[in-house]
Structures are given as C-alpha cells and as structure tokens.
Amino acid sequence: EEELVGEFVKYSVRDGKEVNFLRRDSEA
C-alpha cells in the first residue's frame, strides 16, 4: 500500500468505542 508520511493518528478504536477523545475535536 501507499506509504503515509506524517503524524500517524488513531481516530477511533477497534472495539467500537467513539473516536479517540483526544482527537474528537479535530476535523479529521
């Protein structure tokens, strides 16, 4: 797959919980 360059962010978790609370306010 394409290499992604930059800060890698986990927006949501695998177990169905809401988007990571630290990242929830970001546009992405």
All heavy atoms as atom14 arrays in JSON, in Angstrom:
{
  "sequence": "EEELVGEFVKYSVRDGKEVNFLRRDSEA",
  "atom14_mask": [
    [1, 1, 1, 1, 1, 1, 1, 1, 1, 0, 0, 0, 0, 0],
    [1, 1, 1, 1, 1, 1, 1, 1, 1, 0, 0, 0, 0, 0],
    [1, 1, 1, 1, 1, 1, 1, 1, 1, 0, 0, 0, 0, 0],
    [1, 1, 1, 1, 1, 1, 1, 1, 0, 0, 0, 0, 0, 0],
    [1, 1, 1, 1, 1, 1, 1, 0, 0, 0, 0, 0, 0, 0],
    [1, 1, 1, 1, 0, 0, 0, 0, 0, 0, 0, 0, 0, 0],
    [1, 1, 1, 1, 1, 1, 1, 1, 1, 0, 0, 0, 0, 0],
    [1, 1, 1, 1, 1, 1, 1, 1, 1, 1, 1, 0, 0, 0],
    [1, 1, 1, 1, 1, 1, 1, 0, 0, 0, 0, 0, 0, 0],
    [1, 1, 1, 1, 1, 1, 1, 1, 1, 0, 0, 0, 0, 0],
    [1, 1, 1, 1, 1, 1, 1, 1, 1, 1, 1, 1, 0, 0],
    [1, 1, 1, 1, 1, 1, 0, 0, 0, 0, 0, 0, 0, 0],
    [1, 1, 1, 1, 1, 1, 1, 0, 0, 0, 0, 0, 0, 0],
    [1, 1, 1, 1, 1, 1, 1, 1, 1, 1, 1, 0, 0, 0],
    [1, 1, 1, 1, 1, 1, 1, 1, 0, 0, 0, 0, 0, 0],
    [1, 1, 1, 1, 0, 0, 0, 0, 0, 0, 0, 0, 0, 0],
    [1, 1, 1, 1, 1, 1, 1, 1, 1, 0, 0, 0, 0, 0],
    [1, 1, 1, 1, 1, 1, 1, 1, 1, 0, 0, 0, 0, 0],
    [1, 1, 1, 1, 1, 1, 1, 0, 0, 0, 0, 0, 0, 0],
    [1, 1, 1, 1, 1, 1, 1, 1, 0, 0, 0, 0, 0, 0],
    [1, 1, 1, 1, 1, 1, 1, 1, 1, 1, 1, 0, 0, 0],
    [1, 1, 1, 1, 1, 1, 1, 1, 0, 0, 0, 0, 0, 0],
    [1, 1, 1, 1, 1, 1, 1, 1, 1, 1, 1, 0, 0, 0],
    [1, 1, 1, 1, 1, 1, 1, 1, 1, 1, 1, 0, 0, 0],
    [1, 1, 1, 1, 1, 1, 1, 1, 0, 0, 0, 0, 0, 0],
    [1, 1, 1, 1, 1, 1, 0, 0, 0, 0, 0, 0, 0, 0],
    [1, 1, 1, 1, 1, 1, 1, 1, 1, 0, 0, 0, 0, 0],
    [1, 1, 1, 1, 1, 0, 0, 0, 0, 0, 0, 0, 0, 0]
  ],
  "atom14_positions": [
    [[0.84, -1.2, 0.0], [0.0, 0.0, 0.0], [0.87, 1.24, 0.0], [2.08, 1.17, 0.26], [-0.96, 0.0, 1.2], [-0.28, 0.06, 2.54], [-1.27, -0.01, 3.69], [-2.48, 0.13, 3.5], [-0.79, -0.19, 4.82], [0.0, 0.0, 0.0], [0.0, 0.0, 0.0], [0.0, 0.0, 0.0], [0.0, 0.0, 0.0], [0.0, 0.0, 0.0]],
    [[0.26, 2.36, -0.28], [0.95, 3.65, -0.3], [1.55, 3.93, 1.07], [0.95, 3.65, 2.1], [-0.09, 4.73, -0.64], [0.39, 6.15, -0.57], [-0.74, 7.15, -0.79], [-1.85, 6.76, -1.19], [-0.49, 8.34, -0.53], [0.0, 0.0, 0.0], [0.0, 0.0, 0.0], [0.0, 0.0, 0.0], [0.0, 0.0, 0.0], [0.0, 0.0, 0.0]],
    [[2.75, 4.51, 1.08], [3.37, 4.91, 2.34], [2.76, 6.25, 2.77], [2.68, 7.19, 1.98], [4.88, 5.06, 2.17], [5.57, 5.48, 3.44], [7.08, 5.69, 3.27], [7.55, 5.73, 2.13], [7.76, 5.82, 4.29], [0.0, 0.0, 0.0], [0.0, 0.0, 0.0], [0.0, 0.0, 0.0], [0.0, 0.0, 0.0], [0.0, 0.0, 0.0]],
    [[2.33, 6.31, 4.02], [1.77, 7.55, 4.55], [2.85, 8.24, 5.37], [3.39, 7.66, 6.31], [0.54, 7.27, 5.41], [-0.63, 6.6, 4.69], [-1.78, 6.37, 5.65], [-1.09, 7.45, 3.51], [0.0, 0.0, 0.0], [0.0, 0.0, 0.0], [0.0, 0.0, 0.0], [0.0, 0.0, 0.0], [0.0, 0.0, 0.0], [0.0, 0.0, 0.0]],
    [[3.16, 9.47, 5.0], [4.21, 10.22, 5.66], [3.58, 11.34, 6.49], [2.74, 12.08, 6.0], [5.2, 10.82, 4.63], [6.28, 11.62, 5.32], [5.8, 9.71, 3.79], [0.0, 0.0, 0.0], [0.0, 0.0, 0.0], [0.0, 0.0, 0.0], [0.0, 0.0, 0.0], [0.0, 0.0, 0.0], [0.0, 0.0, 0.0], [0.0, 0.0, 0.0]],
    [[3.96, 11.43, 7.74], [3.42, 12.45, 8.63], [3.03, 11.83, 9.96], [3.35, 10.68, 10.25], [0.0, 0.0, 0.0], [0.0, 0.0, 0.0], [0.0, 0.0, 0.0], [0.0, 0.0, 0.0], [0.0, 0.0, 0.0], [0.0, 0.0, 0.0], [0.0, 0.0, 0.0], [0.0, 0.0, 0.0], [0.0, 0.0, 0.0], [0.0, 0.0, 0.0]],
    [[2.31, 12.61, 10.77], [1.9, 12.12, 12.09], [0.76, 11.12, 11.95], [-0.31, 11.42, 11.42], [1.43, 13.29, 12.97], [1.06, 12.85, 14.37], [0.45, 13.96, 15.21], [0.36, 15.11, 14.74], [0.03, 13.66, 16.34], [0.0, 0.0, 0.0], [0.0, 0.0, 0.0], [0.0, 0.0, 0.0], [0.0, 0.0, 0.0], [0.0, 0.0, 0.0]],
    [[1.0, 9.89, 12.41], [0.01, 8.83, 12.33], [-0.91, 8.95, 13.55], [-0.45, 8.95, 14.68], [0.71, 7.46, 12.33], [-0.17, 6.34, 11.88], [-0.32, 6.06, 10.54], [-0.84, 5.57, 12.81], [-1.13, 5.02, 10.12], [-1.66, 4.53, 12.4], [-1.8, 4.25, 11.05], [0.0, 0.0, 0.0], [0.0, 0.0, 0.0], [0.0, 0.0, 0.0]],
    [[-2.22, 9.08, 13.3], [-3.19, 9.31, 14.36], [-4.24, 8.22, 14.34], [-4.72, 7.83, 13.28], [-3.89, 10.69, 14.19], [-4.93, 10.92, 15.27], [-2.86, 11.81, 14.19], [0.0, 0.0, 0.0], [0.0, 0.0, 0.0], [0.0, 0.0, 0.0], [0.0, 0.0, 0.0], [0.0, 0.0, 0.0], [0.0, 0.0, 0.0], [0.0, 0.0, 0.0]],
    [[-4.6, 7.74, 15.51], [-5.68, 6.75, 15.66], [-6.94, 7.54, 16.01], [-7.05, 8.09, 17.09], [-5.32, 5.76, 16.76], [-6.16, 4.54, 16.77], [-5.54, 3.56, 17.77], [-6.2, 2.23, 17.71], [-5.78, 1.39, 16.63], [0.0, 0.0, 0.0], [0.0, 0.0, 0.0], [0.0, 0.0, 0.0], [0.0, 0.0, 0.0], [0.0, 0.0, 0.0]],
    [[-7.9, 7.61, 15.07], [-9.11, 8.4, 15.28], [-10.2, 7.63, 16.0], [-11.04, 8.2, 16.67], [-9.66, 8.9, 13.94], [-8.73, 9.85, 13.25], [-8.07, 9.5, 12.08], [-8.48, 11.11, 13.78], [-7.2, 10.37, 11.45], [-7.61, 12.0, 13.16], [-6.98, 11.62, 12.0], [-6.12, 12.48, 11.38], [0.0, 0.0, 0.0], [0.0, 0.0, 0.0]],
    [[-10.23, 6.33, 15.84], [-11.21, 5.52, 16.56], [-10.56, 4.2, 16.93], [-9.52, 3.84, 16.39], [-12.46, 5.26, 15.7], [-12.17, 4.37, 14.66], [0.0, 0.0, 0.0], [0.0, 0.0, 0.0], [0.0, 0.0, 0.0], [0.0, 0.0, 0.0], [0.0, 0.0, 0.0], [0.0, 0.0, 0.0], [0.0, 0.0, 0.0], [0.0, 0.0, 0.0]],
    [[-11.17, 3.5, 17.84], [-10.58, 2.25, 18.29], [-11.36, 1.07, 17.76], [-12.5, 1.19, 17.36], [-10.45, 2.21, 19.82], [-9.43, 3.2, 20.31], [-11.78, 2.45, 20.5], [0.0, 0.0, 0.0], [0.0, 0.0, 0.0], [0.0, 0.0, 0.0], [0.0, 0.0, 0.0], [0.0, 0.0, 0.0], [0.0, 0.0, 0.0], [0.0, 0.0, 0.0]],
    [[-10.72, -0.06, 17.79], [-11.22, -1.27, 17.17], [-12.44, -1.84, 17.89], [-13.21, -2.58, 17.32], [-10.09, -2.29, 17.18], [-10.35, -3.53, 16.41], [-9.18, -4.46, 16.49], [-7.94, -3.77, 16.2], [-6.76, -4.15, 16.63], [-6.63, -5.18, 17.4], [-5.68, -3.47, 16.32], [0.0, 0.0, 0.0], [0.0, 0.0, 0.0], [0.0, 0.0, 0.0]],
    [[-12.63, -1.52, 19.14], [-13.7, -2.17, 19.89], [-15.03, -1.44, 19.83], [-15.92, -1.69, 20.6], [-13.29, -2.39, 21.34], [-13.06, -1.1, 22.1], [-13.23, -0.03, 21.5], [-12.72, -1.18, 23.28], [0.0, 0.0, 0.0], [0.0, 0.0, 0.0], [0.0, 0.0, 0.0], [0.0, 0.0, 0.0], [0.0, 0.0, 0.0], [0.0, 0.0, 0.0]],
    [[-15.19, -0.51, 18.89], [-16.49, 0.12, 18.69], [-16.69, 1.39, 19.47], [-17.71, 2.05, 19.34], [0.0, 0.0, 0.0], [0.0, 0.0, 0.0], [0.0, 0.0, 0.0], [0.0, 0.0, 0.0], [0.0, 0.0, 0.0], [0.0, 0.0, 0.0], [0.0, 0.0, 0.0], [0.0, 0.0, 0.0], [0.0, 0.0, 0.0], [0.0, 0.0, 0.0]],
    [[-15.71, 1.76, 20.31], [-15.88, 2.99, 21.08], [-15.77, 4.19, 20.17], [-15.29, 4.12, 19.06], [-14.82, 3.07, 22.19], [-15.07, 2.05, 23.28], [-14.05, 2.2, 24.38], [-14.3, 1.15, 25.45], [-13.23, 1.13, 26.43], [0.0, 0.0, 0.0], [0.0, 0.0, 0.0], [0.0, 0.0, 0.0], [0.0, 0.0, 0.0], [0.0, 0.0, 0.0]],
    [[-16.22, 5.31, 20.69], [-16.24, 6.56, 19.94], [-14.81, 6.95, 19.55], [-13.83, 6.43, 20.08], [-16.87, 7.65, 20.82], [-17.02, 8.97, 20.17], [-17.83, 8.93, 18.9], [-19.04, 8.77, 18.95], [-17.2, 9.06, 17.83], [0.0, 0.0, 0.0], [0.0, 0.0, 0.0], [0.0, 0.0, 0.0], [0.0, 0.0, 0.0], [0.0, 0.0, 0.0]],
    [[-14.72, 7.88, 18.64], [-13.43, 8.41, 18.21], [-12.61, 8.8, 19.44], [-13.14, 9.33, 20.42], [-13.66, 9.64, 17.3], [-12.4, 10.43, 17.1], [-14.2, 9.2, 15.95], [0.0, 0.0, 0.0], [0.0, 0.0, 0.0], [0.0, 0.0, 0.0], [0.0, 0.0, 0.0], [0.0, 0.0, 0.0], [0.0, 0.0, 0.0], [0.0, 0.0, 0.0]],
    [[-11.33, 8.51, 19.39], [-10.38, 8.85, 20.45], [-10.68, 10.25, 20.98], [-10.71, 11.22, 20.24], [-8.98, 8.78, 19.82], [-7.88, 9.12, 20.78], [-8.07, 9.87, 21.74], [-6.71, 8.58, 20.51], [0.0, 0.0, 0.0], [0.0, 0.0, 0.0], [0.0, 0.0, 0.0], [0.0, 0.0, 0.0], [0.0, 0.0, 0.0], [0.0, 0.0, 0.0]],
    [[-10.91, 10.36, 22.28], [-11.32, 11.63, 22.87], [-10.32, 12.77, 22.61], [-10.69, 13.91, 22.5], [-11.57, 11.47, 24.37], [-12.82, 10.71, 24.66], [-12.76, 9.45, 25.22], [-14.07, 11.23, 24.35], [-13.92, 8.73, 25.49], [-15.23, 10.52, 24.6], [-15.16, 9.27, 25.17], [0.0, 0.0, 0.0], [0.0, 0.0, 0.0], [0.0, 0.0, 0.0]],
    [[-9.04, 12.44, 22.52], [-8.04, 13.47, 22.27], [-8.13, 14.01, 20.84], [-7.69, 15.1, 20.56], [-6.63, 12.91, 22.51], [-6.33, 12.47, 23.94], [-4.96, 11.8, 24.01], [-6.4, 13.65, 24.89], [0.0, 0.0, 0.0], [0.0, 0.0, 0.0], [0.0, 0.0, 0.0], [0.0, 0.0, 0.0], [0.0, 0.0, 0.0], [0.0, 0.0, 0.0]],
    [[-8.71, 13.23, 19.93], [-8.77, 13.62, 18.53], [-10.18, 13.98, 18.07], [-10.39, 14.35, 16.94], [-8.25, 12.48, 17.63], [-6.87, 12.01, 18.01], [-5.83, 13.07, 17.78], [-4.51, 12.59, 18.17], [-3.44, 13.34, 18.23], [-3.51, 14.62, 17.96], [-2.29, 12.84, 18.59], [0.0, 0.0, 0.0], [0.0, 0.0, 0.0], [0.0, 0.0, 0.0]],
    [[-11.17, 13.84, 18.94], [-12.57, 14.01, 18.56], [-12.86, 15.41, 18.03], [-13.72, 15.59, 17.18], [-13.46, 13.71, 19.76], [-14.93, 13.72, 19.42], [-15.77, 13.26, 20.56], [-15.56, 14.11, 21.73], [-15.97, 13.8, 22.94], [-16.59, 12.67, 23.15], [-15.75, 14.61, 23.94], [0.0, 0.0, 0.0], [0.0, 0.0, 0.0], [0.0, 0.0, 0.0]],
    [[-12.15, 16.4, 18.51], [-12.42, 17.78, 18.1], [-11.74, 18.17, 16.8], [-12.01, 19.22, 16.25], [-12.03, 18.75, 19.22], [-12.9, 18.58, 20.45], [-14.06, 18.14, 20.29], [-12.43, 18.86, 21.55], [0.0, 0.0, 0.0], [0.0, 0.0, 0.0], [0.0, 0.0, 0.0], [0.0, 0.0, 0.0], [0.0, 0.0, 0.0], [0.0, 0.0, 0.0]],
    [[-10.85, 17.33, 16.28], [-10.19, 17.67, 15.02], [-11.17, 17.45, 13.87], [-12.1, 16.64, 13.97], [-8.95, 16.79, 14.82], [-9.33, 15.46, 14.51], [0.0, 0.0, 0.0], [0.0, 0.0, 0.0], [0.0, 0.0, 0.0], [0.0, 0.0, 0.0], [0.0, 0.0, 0.0], [0.0, 0.0, 0.0], [0.0, 0.0, 0.0], [0.0, 0.0, 0.0]],
    [[-10.95, 18.13, 12.78], [-11.81, 17.98, 11.6], [-11.77, 16.54, 11.1], [-12.81, 15.94, 10.82], [-11.37, 18.94, 10.5], [-12.22, 18.83, 9.25], [-11.75, 19.74, 8.12], [-10.89, 20.6, 8.34], [-12.27, 19.57, 7.0], [0.0, 0.0, 0.0], [0.0, 0.0, 0.0], [0.0, 0.0, 0.0], [0.0, 0.0, 0.0], [0.0, 0.0, 0.0]],
    [[-10.57, 15.97, 10.99], [-10.45, 14.58, 10.51], [-11.16, 13.62, 11.46], [-11.86, 12.71, 11.02], [-8.98, 14.2, 10.36], [0.0, 0.0, 0.0], [0.0, 0.0, 0.0], [0.0, 0.0, 0.0], [0.0, 0.0, 0.0], [0.0, 0.0, 0.0], [0.0, 0.0, 0.0], [0.0, 0.0, 0.0], [0.0, 0.0, 0.0], [0.0, 0.0, 0.0]]
  ]
}
